[in-house]
Protein backbone atom coordinates (compact mmCIF):
# COMPACT_ATOMS: atom_id res chain seq x y z
CA MET A 1 30.06 -2.21 -20.19
CA ARG A 2 28.55 -5.05 -18.19
CA LYS A 3 26.03 -2.67 -16.61
CA ARG A 4 25.05 -1.37 -20.05
CA HIS A 5 24.55 -4.91 -21.35
CA GLU A 6 22.40 -5.72 -18.33
CA THR A 7 20.28 -2.63 -19.01
CA VAL A 8 19.78 -3.60 -22.66
CA ASP A 9 19.02 -7.20 -21.67
CA ARG A 10 16.36 -5.91 -19.28
CA TYR A 11 14.73 -3.88 -22.06
CA ILE A 12 14.79 -6.88 -24.39
CA THR A 13 13.18 -9.12 -21.77
CA GLU A 14 10.58 -6.42 -21.05
CA ALA A 15 9.79 -6.03 -24.76
CA GLN A 16 9.46 -9.79 -25.27
CA GLY A 17 7.12 -10.05 -22.28
CA HIS A 18 4.86 -7.25 -23.51
CA GLN A 19 4.85 -8.70 -27.03
CA ALA A 20 3.80 -12.11 -25.71
CA THR A 21 0.74 -10.56 -24.03
CA GLY A 22 -0.18 -8.41 -27.04
CA ASP A 23 0.86 -5.11 -25.44
CA TYR A 24 2.73 -4.01 -28.54
CA ARG A 25 2.89 -0.32 -27.61
CA SER A 26 4.76 -1.08 -24.39
CA ALA A 27 6.97 -3.56 -26.24
CA LEU A 28 7.89 -0.94 -28.83
CA LYS A 29 8.56 1.61 -26.10
CA ALA A 30 11.00 -0.79 -24.43
CA THR A 31 12.86 -1.43 -27.69
CA ARG A 32 13.12 2.30 -28.36
CA GLU A 33 14.64 2.71 -24.90
CA ALA A 34 17.13 -0.04 -25.72
CA LEU A 35 18.03 1.64 -29.01
CA SER A 36 18.70 4.91 -27.21
CA VAL A 37 21.13 3.06 -24.92
CA ILE A 38 23.10 1.40 -27.72
CA GLU A 39 23.34 4.65 -29.67
CA ARG A 40 25.86 5.81 -27.04
CA GLU A 41 27.91 2.61 -26.85
CA PRO A 42 28.05 -0.47 -29.10
CA VAL A 43 26.80 -3.90 -28.02
CA PRO A 44 27.38 -7.36 -29.54
CA PHE A 45 25.79 -8.07 -32.93
CA GLU A 46 23.29 -10.59 -31.59
CA MET A 47 21.99 -8.13 -29.01
CA GLU A 48 21.63 -5.22 -31.44
CA ALA A 49 20.01 -7.45 -34.07
CA ARG A 50 17.47 -8.74 -31.52
CA ILE A 51 16.55 -5.18 -30.53
CA LEU A 52 16.05 -4.12 -34.16
CA LEU A 53 13.95 -7.19 -34.92
CA LEU A 54 11.77 -6.61 -31.85
CA ALA A 55 11.34 -2.96 -32.82
CA ALA A 56 10.46 -3.89 -36.40
CA ARG A 57 7.98 -6.57 -35.37
CA ASN A 58 6.14 -4.47 -32.81
CA SER A 59 5.99 -1.48 -35.17
CA TYR A 60 4.45 -3.84 -37.73
CA TYR A 61 1.90 -5.10 -35.19
CA LEU A 62 0.87 -1.46 -34.64
CA SER A 63 0.61 -0.88 -38.42
CA GLY A 64 3.65 1.40 -38.29
CA PHE A 65 4.90 0.00 -41.58
CA ASP A 66 7.29 2.86 -42.36
CA GLU A 67 8.90 2.72 -38.93
CA SER A 68 9.16 -1.06 -39.14
CA SER A 69 10.87 -0.81 -42.53
CA ILE A 70 13.40 1.67 -41.13
CA TYR A 71 14.41 -0.83 -38.43
CA LEU A 72 14.70 -3.59 -41.02
CA ASP A 73 16.92 -1.37 -43.18
CA MET A 74 19.09 -0.64 -40.13
CA LEU A 75 19.38 -4.38 -39.53
CA GLY A 76 20.41 -4.94 -43.14
CA GLU A 77 23.17 -2.36 -42.79
CA LEU A 78 24.29 -3.96 -39.52
CA ILE A 79 24.49 -7.42 -41.11
CA ARG A 80 26.55 -6.07 -44.01
CA SER A 81 28.99 -4.46 -41.57
CA VAL A 82 29.90 -7.65 -39.68
CA GLU A 83 31.27 -11.06 -40.59
CA VAL A 84 28.86 -13.39 -38.81
CA ASP A 85 26.39 -16.09 -39.73
CA ALA A 86 23.17 -14.06 -39.83
CA ARG A 87 20.87 -16.57 -41.55
CA CYS A 88 18.30 -16.51 -38.77
CA GLU A 89 18.29 -12.72 -38.55
CA ARG A 90 17.87 -12.44 -42.34
CA TYR A 91 15.04 -14.98 -42.21
CA GLU A 92 13.12 -13.18 -39.47
CA ALA A 93 13.62 -9.85 -41.24
CA ALA A 94 12.24 -11.36 -44.47
CA VAL A 95 9.17 -12.63 -42.59
CA ILE A 96 8.45 -9.20 -41.09
CA ARG A 97 8.99 -7.39 -44.39
CA ALA A 98 6.79 -9.91 -46.22
CA ASN A 99 4.07 -9.33 -43.64
CA ILE A 100 4.26 -5.58 -44.28
CA LEU A 101 3.99 -6.11 -48.04
CA ARG A 102 1.08 -8.54 -47.55
CA ARG A 103 -0.79 -6.04 -45.40
CA LYS A 104 -0.23 -3.37 -48.07
CA GLY A 105 -1.66 -5.69 -50.74
CA GLU A 106 1.69 -6.24 -52.51
CA TYR A 107 1.34 -10.01 -52.62
CA LEU A 108 3.88 -10.86 -55.32
CA SER A 109 6.50 -8.68 -53.64
CA ALA A 110 5.77 -10.42 -50.34
CA LEU A 111 6.35 -13.84 -51.91
CA ARG A 112 9.63 -12.66 -53.48
CA GLU A 113 11.00 -11.87 -50.01
CA PHE A 114 11.56 -15.59 -49.45
CA GLU A 115 13.25 -16.44 -52.76
CA ASP A 116 16.82 -16.02 -51.50
CA ILE A 117 16.36 -17.49 -48.02
CA ASP A 118 18.81 -20.26 -47.17
CA GLY A 119 16.85 -23.46 -46.52
CA SER A 120 18.90 -24.17 -43.41
CA ALA A 121 17.45 -21.04 -41.82
CA GLU A 122 14.12 -22.82 -41.44
CA ASN A 123 15.39 -24.33 -38.18
CA CYS A 124 15.38 -20.89 -36.56
CA LEU A 125 13.19 -20.50 -33.48
CA GLU A 126 12.06 -24.14 -33.63
CA GLY A 127 10.00 -23.70 -36.78
CA THR A 128 7.85 -20.83 -35.52
CA LEU A 129 9.19 -18.50 -38.20
CA THR A 130 8.53 -21.10 -40.89
CA GLY A 131 4.95 -21.47 -39.69
CA GLU A 132 4.56 -17.70 -39.95
CA ARG A 133 6.17 -17.74 -43.39
CA TYR A 134 3.67 -20.35 -44.60
CA LEU A 135 0.80 -18.30 -43.20
CA ILE A 136 2.02 -15.31 -45.21
CA GLU A 137 2.48 -17.39 -48.35
CA GLY A 138 -0.93 -19.01 -47.96
CA ALA A 139 -2.61 -15.63 -47.49
CA CYS A 140 -0.81 -14.17 -50.53
CA HIS A 141 -1.84 -17.07 -52.75
CA TYR A 142 -5.40 -16.74 -51.47
CA PHE A 143 -5.59 -13.06 -52.37
CA LEU A 144 -3.97 -13.83 -55.73
CA ASP A 145 -6.87 -16.26 -56.35
CA ASP A 146 -4.62 -19.34 -56.25
CA THR A 147 -6.92 -20.95 -53.70
CA GLU A 148 -5.82 -24.58 -53.98
CA ARG A 149 -2.17 -23.59 -53.51
CA ALA A 150 -3.18 -21.48 -50.52
CA ARG A 151 -4.91 -24.49 -48.99
CA GLU A 152 -1.85 -26.72 -49.47
CA ILE A 153 0.46 -24.20 -47.83
CA LEU A 154 -1.89 -23.52 -44.91
CA GLU A 155 -2.25 -27.26 -44.24
CA THR A 156 1.54 -27.37 -43.89
CA ALA A 157 1.38 -24.38 -41.54
CA LEU A 158 -1.18 -26.17 -39.37
CA GLY A 159 1.22 -29.09 -39.04
CA LEU A 160 4.01 -26.76 -37.93
CA THR A 161 1.84 -25.03 -35.31
CA ALA A 162 0.46 -28.09 -33.54
CA GLY A 163 2.32 -27.37 -30.29
CA ALA A 164 0.67 -25.53 -27.42
CA ALA A 165 3.31 -22.77 -27.57
CA SER A 166 2.18 -21.84 -31.10
CA TRP A 167 -1.51 -21.31 -30.27
CA LYS A 168 -1.62 -17.68 -31.45
CA LEU A 169 -0.04 -18.41 -34.81
CA ARG A 170 -2.18 -21.54 -35.18
CA ALA A 171 -5.34 -19.53 -34.50
CA ARG A 172 -4.41 -17.14 -37.31
CA VAL A 173 -3.70 -20.04 -39.65
CA LEU A 174 -7.12 -21.50 -38.81
CA THR A 175 -8.73 -18.13 -39.52
CA MET A 176 -7.00 -17.93 -42.90
CA MET A 177 -7.93 -21.54 -43.64
CA GLY A 178 -11.54 -20.65 -42.89
CA LEU A 179 -11.42 -18.04 -45.65
CA VAL A 180 -9.93 -20.56 -48.07
CA LEU A 181 -12.49 -23.25 -47.27
CA ARG A 182 -15.32 -20.75 -47.58
CA ARG A 183 -14.18 -19.76 -51.04
CA LEU A 184 -13.97 -23.43 -52.01
CA GLY A 185 -17.56 -23.92 -50.83
CA PHE A 186 -16.83 -26.00 -47.70
CA MET A 187 -18.94 -23.76 -45.49
CA LYS A 188 -19.40 -26.08 -42.52
CA LYS A 189 -15.69 -26.93 -42.34
CA ALA A 190 -14.84 -23.24 -42.71
CA ALA A 191 -17.15 -22.38 -39.80
CA ASP A 192 -15.62 -25.17 -37.69
CA ASP A 193 -12.06 -23.88 -38.26
CA LEU A 194 -13.13 -20.32 -37.47
CA ARG A 195 -14.81 -21.47 -34.24
CA ARG A 196 -11.61 -23.31 -33.27
CA ALA A 197 -9.61 -20.14 -33.93
CA ALA A 198 -12.06 -18.08 -31.88
CA ALA A 199 -11.96 -20.57 -28.99
CA ALA A 200 -8.15 -20.50 -28.85
CA CYS A 201 -8.09 -16.70 -28.88
CA SER A 202 -10.83 -16.44 -26.26
CA LYS A 203 -9.03 -18.88 -23.96
CA ASN A 204 -5.80 -16.88 -24.21
CA ASP A 205 -7.29 -13.36 -24.13
CA ASP A 206 -6.24 -12.50 -27.68
CA GLU A 207 -8.90 -9.90 -28.45
CA TYR A 208 -7.69 -9.02 -31.95
CA GLY A 209 -7.48 -12.67 -33.00
CA LEU A 210 -10.90 -13.37 -31.50
CA ALA A 211 -12.47 -10.39 -33.27
CA ALA A 212 -10.95 -11.40 -36.63
CA ALA A 213 -12.16 -14.99 -36.24
CA LEU A 214 -15.67 -13.87 -35.24
CA LEU A 215 -15.92 -11.42 -38.14
CA ASN A 216 -15.01 -14.15 -40.61
CA LEU A 217 -17.26 -16.66 -38.85
CA GLY A 218 -20.11 -14.19 -39.23
CA ILE A 219 -19.38 -13.78 -42.95
CA THR A 220 -19.44 -17.57 -43.31
CA GLN A 221 -22.72 -17.84 -41.37
CA PHE A 222 -24.13 -15.09 -43.60
CA HIS A 223 -23.28 -17.10 -46.72
CA MET A 224 -24.84 -20.18 -45.12
CA GLY A 225 -28.09 -18.22 -44.66
CA ASP A 226 -27.92 -18.14 -40.84
CA ILE A 227 -28.43 -14.38 -40.57
CA ASP A 228 -29.22 -14.31 -36.83
CA SER A 229 -25.97 -16.10 -35.93
CA ALA A 230 -24.04 -13.93 -38.39
CA GLU A 231 -25.33 -10.74 -36.77
CA ARG A 232 -24.40 -12.00 -33.29
CA SER A 233 -20.87 -12.74 -34.52
CA PHE A 234 -20.57 -9.31 -36.18
CA ILE A 235 -21.78 -7.50 -33.06
CA LYS A 236 -19.29 -9.34 -30.81
CA ALA A 237 -16.47 -8.69 -33.28
CA ALA A 238 -17.37 -4.99 -33.59
CA SER A 239 -17.36 -4.61 -29.80
CA LEU A 240 -13.92 -6.21 -29.54
CA PHE A 241 -12.48 -4.12 -32.37
CA GLU A 242 -13.83 -0.98 -30.71
CA ARG A 243 -12.31 -1.96 -27.37
CA ILE A 244 -8.84 -2.36 -28.88
CA ASN A 245 -9.25 0.70 -31.13
CA TRP A 246 -8.89 -1.32 -34.35
CA HIS A 247 -11.08 0.89 -36.52
CA ILE A 248 -10.46 -1.04 -39.74
CA GLY A 249 -12.05 -4.16 -38.26
CA ARG A 250 -14.97 -2.26 -36.75
CA CYS A 251 -15.64 -0.59 -40.10
CA ARG A 252 -15.84 -3.98 -41.79
CA CYS A 253 -18.18 -5.24 -39.07
CA LEU A 254 -20.51 -2.30 -39.70
CA VAL A 255 -20.55 -3.06 -43.43
CA ALA A 256 -21.25 -6.73 -42.67
CA LEU A 257 -24.08 -5.78 -40.29
CA GLY A 258 -25.47 -3.53 -43.03
CA ASN A 259 -25.45 -6.47 -45.43
CA ALA A 260 -27.27 -8.60 -42.85
CA ALA A 261 -29.88 -5.87 -42.27
CA ARG A 262 -30.38 -5.57 -46.02
CA ARG A 263 -30.89 -9.35 -46.24
CA ARG A 264 -33.62 -8.95 -43.60
CA GLU A 265 -35.06 -6.14 -45.77
CA ALA A 266 -34.48 -3.65 -42.94
CA LEU A 267 -33.33 -1.04 -45.44
CA ASP A 268 -33.35 2.01 -43.14
CA GLU A 269 -31.20 0.11 -40.62
CA ALA A 270 -28.87 -1.00 -43.40
CA LEU A 271 -28.43 2.56 -44.68
CA GLU A 272 -27.65 3.79 -41.17
CA LEU A 273 -25.01 1.09 -40.70
CA TYR A 274 -23.43 1.86 -44.06
CA SER A 275 -23.35 5.55 -43.16
CA ASP A 276 -21.65 4.76 -39.84
CA ALA A 277 -19.09 2.63 -41.70
CA SER A 278 -18.49 5.43 -44.21
CA ARG A 279 -17.87 7.97 -41.44
CA LEU A 280 -15.48 5.61 -39.68
CA ALA A 281 -13.64 4.83 -42.93
CA ARG A 282 -12.91 8.51 -43.43
CA ASP A 283 -11.09 8.53 -40.08
CA CYS A 284 -8.76 5.63 -40.72
CA LEU A 285 -6.46 4.31 -43.42
CA LEU A 286 -7.74 0.97 -44.72
CA TYR A 287 -5.06 -1.63 -45.41
CA THR A 288 -5.70 -5.07 -46.83
CA SER A 289 -5.47 -7.60 -44.00
CA ASP A 290 -6.45 -11.14 -43.30
CA ALA A 291 -9.16 -10.00 -40.90
CA ALA A 292 -11.94 -10.11 -43.48
CA ASP A 293 -12.85 -11.18 -46.98
CA GLU A 294 -15.74 -8.93 -47.99
């Protein structure tokens, strides 16, 4: 039994390490290996719950929403089968499920995920989960056109992510805040927040976060009339999205570049870019995400 626990612990540590560096495929592979081990012999609740949460989170990061939901359902069944205090596990599961619903555009359903969460659970993981929860809530209110409420919630999220350990989450909050400020007409402040998000992601080699921040920075620069800077941001973002095979983001960059070309009255160039975006869109399933607001 001890050897089995050590094997599962090794897979958990491996998955957490890959997740921290953004290698979500390797992280998911490690959690699947751990699940295959515990299928043969049971392990303590905390260990099995951690594996299922890691599997659900990394499936979500890879847009495997159905697979992620299966792991969350398995966790729910596990919690119902034991008599333990599972507030933190329920809280993290609610955050992951709300993220899935947000990405699918089901904003009201995402917000309802938090209605029954025990307030004492907000101490889990030193507030990181609560910062993520507020990011989700802020994004949902933004897409539901409740922009002032979104701003209030995201300001709270920024306060919760001030520590150096929360740089990735903070960068995403700054990106979302940039969208909110842009909609409210505070273009310069929006651009500043997006540059701060981009700088944090660049410093820490977070290519997806950097691409998302640059795409939204370019959209902001476009609305400010700085077409040259906007195009440079779009081109950098498109290159990053292509490198990490995130076709949704690259498609949006191509549309944005088409808009910029049209603003320059380069209509043939614009049509070519729109055609490229159309071809790419046919090859991928477009989900609503916080990577763009076009």
